[in-house]
Amino acid sequence: MNAVSFRNPIVAGIIALLLVILAASTFAIVPETKQAVILRFGQPIRTVNA
């Protein structure tokens, strides 16, 4: 992307919204009574006992 497109507030807002959605999708809250498996590129890394 060139620098001129970032001057448009609509484009900047859409990019910011996409970044927020991406950041929010990387976190998950696991209830205390459940377990979670941490994956990296589809491979199990560890389990978490909340």
Protein backbone atom coordinates (compact mmCIF):
# COMPACT_ATOMS: atom_id res chain seq x y z
CA MET A 1 0.00 0.00 0.00
CA ASN A 2 1.24 3.45 -0.67
CA ALA A 3 1.35 6.19 1.96
CA VAL A 4 -1.38 8.23 0.25
CA SER A 5 -4.10 5.67 1.00
CA PHE A 6 -3.45 5.99 4.75
CA ARG A 7 -4.51 9.64 4.60
CA ASN A 8 -8.07 8.55 3.93
CA PRO A 9 -9.75 8.14 7.35
CA ILE A 10 -12.09 5.43 6.06
CA VAL A 11 -9.20 3.25 4.87
CA ALA A 12 -7.33 3.85 8.12
CA GLY A 13 -10.45 2.93 10.10
CA ILE A 14 -10.95 -0.30 8.16
CA ILE A 15 -7.31 -1.28 8.68
CA ALA A 16 -7.56 -0.50 12.40
CA LEU A 17 -10.75 -2.57 12.67
CA LEU A 18 -9.10 -5.52 10.94
CA LEU A 19 -6.13 -5.32 13.30
CA VAL A 20 -8.45 -5.28 16.33
CA ILE A 21 -10.36 -8.32 15.03
CA LEU A 22 -7.09 -10.16 14.38
CA ALA A 23 -5.78 -9.36 17.86
CA ALA A 24 -9.04 -10.40 19.53
CA SER A 25 -9.10 -13.73 17.71
CA THR A 26 -5.70 -14.74 19.09
CA PHE A 27 -6.89 -14.88 22.71
CA ALA A 28 -9.36 -17.20 24.39
CA ILE A 29 -10.62 -17.41 27.96
CA VAL A 30 -10.71 -20.95 29.32
CA PRO A 31 -13.08 -21.66 32.24
CA GLU A 32 -11.50 -23.07 35.40
CA THR A 33 -13.23 -26.42 34.92
CA LYS A 34 -11.85 -26.96 31.40
CA GLN A 35 -8.52 -27.72 29.74
CA ALA A 36 -7.07 -26.11 26.65
CA VAL A 37 -4.51 -27.32 24.12
CA ILE A 38 -2.10 -24.68 22.84
CA LEU A 39 -1.40 -25.13 19.12
CA ARG A 40 1.32 -23.64 16.97
CA PHE A 41 0.83 -24.12 13.24
CA GLY A 42 -1.55 -27.00 13.98
CA GLN A 43 0.90 -28.87 16.21
CA PRO A 44 0.12 -29.27 19.93
CA ILE A 45 2.60 -27.36 22.10
CA ARG A 46 1.18 -27.77 25.62
CA THR A 47 -2.00 -28.09 27.63
CA VAL A 48 -3.29 -25.57 30.12
CA ASN A 49 -5.23 -26.53 33.23
CA ALA A 50 -7.01 -23.30 34.08
